[in-house]
Amino acid sequence: QVQLVESGGGLVQAGGSLRLSCAASGSISIFNTMGWYRQAPGKQRELVASITSGGSLIYADSVKGRFTISTDNAKNTVYLQMTSLKPDDTAVYYCHAQKRSWFNYWGQGTQVTVST
């Protein structure tokens, strides 16, 4: 069974940086798409960034130019480098992986809190 384990969240001041990691229990090459979602209290979960097996990238408009998604296949890990953090970035961040059209996997989430 696929397991996704997130790490790297924490408390940071506005303008600071964090790098989130998502370590998979096996090769991430089996997934069509991997990405990061976030959910703030009282809000819907939203896509932050995604990367396909072919290398196509998608970023939410709110994070373009500030966040970068990347993978390290040798480490079975997906990263989200976050810079110039804003209080509105405060949320629980979830790693997501999709295989074909009907297999979806989620990490447990990691809290990111950006203070002023």
Protein backbone atom coordinates (compact mmCIF):
# COMPACT_ATOMS: atom_id res chain seq x y z
CA GLN A 1 0.00 0.00 0.00
CA VAL A 2 1.28 3.45 -0.91
CA GLN A 3 2.21 5.71 1.97
CA LEU A 4 2.98 9.41 1.69
CA VAL A 5 4.72 11.07 4.61
CA GLU A 6 5.01 14.84 4.76
CA SER A 7 7.46 16.90 6.72
CA GLY A 8 8.90 20.38 6.85
CA GLY A 9 5.97 22.41 8.08
CA GLY A 10 6.24 24.87 10.90
CA LEU A 11 5.97 28.45 11.99
CA VAL A 12 7.68 31.11 9.92
CA GLN A 13 7.54 34.88 9.69
CA ALA A 14 6.12 36.60 6.65
CA GLY A 15 8.74 36.81 3.96
CA GLY A 16 10.43 33.65 5.13
CA SER A 17 10.87 30.29 3.49
CA LEU A 18 10.05 26.66 4.13
CA ARG A 19 10.62 23.48 2.19
CA LEU A 20 8.04 20.74 2.46
CA SER A 21 8.94 17.15 1.70
CA CYS A 22 6.72 14.24 0.76
CA ALA A 23 8.39 10.86 0.97
CA ALA A 24 6.67 7.96 -0.74
CA SER A 25 6.96 4.36 0.34
CA GLY A 26 7.93 3.33 -3.16
CA SER A 27 8.94 4.70 -6.51
CA ILE A 28 7.11 7.88 -7.42
CA SER A 29 7.50 7.03 -11.09
CA ILE A 30 4.32 4.98 -10.89
CA PHE A 31 2.23 8.12 -10.47
CA ASN A 32 0.79 10.14 -13.32
CA THR A 33 0.67 13.26 -11.20
CA MET A 34 1.94 14.41 -7.85
CA GLY A 35 1.10 17.63 -6.16
CA TRP A 36 0.52 19.72 -3.11
CA TYR A 37 -2.82 20.92 -1.84
CA ARG A 38 -3.60 23.12 1.09
CA GLN A 39 -6.61 23.75 3.26
CA ALA A 40 -7.13 26.63 5.61
CA PRO A 41 -9.79 26.56 8.33
CA GLY A 42 -13.24 27.10 6.88
CA LYS A 43 -11.97 26.95 3.31
CA GLN A 44 -11.95 24.35 0.58
CA ARG A 45 -8.89 22.34 -0.17
CA GLU A 46 -7.12 23.89 -3.12
CA LEU A 47 -4.39 22.82 -5.49
CA VAL A 48 -1.15 24.65 -4.86
CA ALA A 49 1.19 22.98 -7.32
CA SER A 50 1.41 19.80 -9.33
CA ILE A 51 3.84 18.00 -11.56
CA THR A 52 3.10 15.25 -14.05
CA SER A 53 5.26 12.29 -14.94
CA GLY A 54 6.12 14.16 -18.13
CA GLY A 55 7.32 17.20 -16.22
CA SER A 56 4.38 19.52 -16.80
CA LEU A 57 3.91 22.03 -14.00
CA ILE A 58 0.85 23.78 -12.66
CA TYR A 59 0.83 26.46 -9.99
CA ALA A 60 -1.98 28.32 -8.38
CA ASP A 61 -1.92 31.97 -9.39
CA SER A 62 -1.48 32.98 -5.78
CA VAL A 63 1.84 31.16 -5.48
CA LYS A 64 3.39 31.63 -8.90
CA GLY A 65 6.88 32.99 -8.62
CA ARG A 66 7.09 32.09 -4.94
CA PHE A 67 6.64 28.31 -4.76
CA THR A 68 8.47 25.59 -6.65
CA ILE A 69 7.52 21.94 -6.89
CA SER A 70 10.20 19.39 -7.70
CA THR A 71 10.91 15.69 -7.44
CA ASP A 72 13.85 13.51 -6.59
CA ASN A 73 13.11 10.08 -7.98
CA ALA A 74 16.15 8.53 -6.34
CA LYS A 75 14.77 9.53 -2.95
CA ASN A 76 11.12 8.87 -3.84
CA THR A 77 10.38 12.37 -2.67
CA VAL A 78 8.42 15.39 -3.85
CA TYR A 79 9.29 18.84 -2.55
CA LEU A 80 7.55 22.15 -2.30
CA GLN A 81 9.95 25.04 -1.85
CA MET A 82 8.06 28.02 -0.51
CA THR A 83 9.56 31.49 -0.44
CA SER A 84 8.25 34.96 0.30
CA LEU A 85 5.61 33.42 2.50
CA LYS A 86 2.51 35.40 3.33
CA PRO A 87 -0.01 35.02 6.16
CA ASP A 88 -2.54 33.87 3.55
CA ASP A 89 -0.32 30.84 2.93
CA THR A 90 -1.21 29.55 6.39
CA ALA A 91 -2.87 26.17 5.96
CA VAL A 92 -2.43 22.46 6.31
CA TYR A 93 -0.50 21.27 3.29
CA TYR A 94 -1.19 17.83 1.86
CA CYS A 95 0.83 15.74 -0.52
CA HIS A 96 -1.19 14.03 -3.23
CA ALA A 97 -0.41 11.35 -5.76
CA GLN A 98 -2.55 9.92 -8.53
CA LYS A 99 -2.07 6.76 -10.48
CA ARG A 100 -4.13 6.48 -13.63
CA SER A 101 -7.59 7.95 -13.10
CA TRP A 102 -8.87 6.03 -10.12
CA PHE A 103 -6.08 5.67 -7.59
CA ASN A 104 -5.52 8.63 -5.32
CA TYR A 105 -3.27 8.85 -2.30
CA TRP A 106 -2.93 11.52 0.36
CA GLY A 107 -0.43 12.32 3.02
CA GLN A 108 -1.44 13.16 6.56
CA GLY A 109 -0.82 16.87 6.13
CA THR A 110 1.69 19.24 7.64
CA GLN A 111 0.86 22.59 9.21
CA VAL A 112 2.34 25.77 7.81
CA THR A 113 1.76 28.92 9.81
CA VAL A 114 2.98 32.29 8.58
CA SER A 115 2.99 35.09 11.11
CA THR A 116 3.19 38.83 10.61
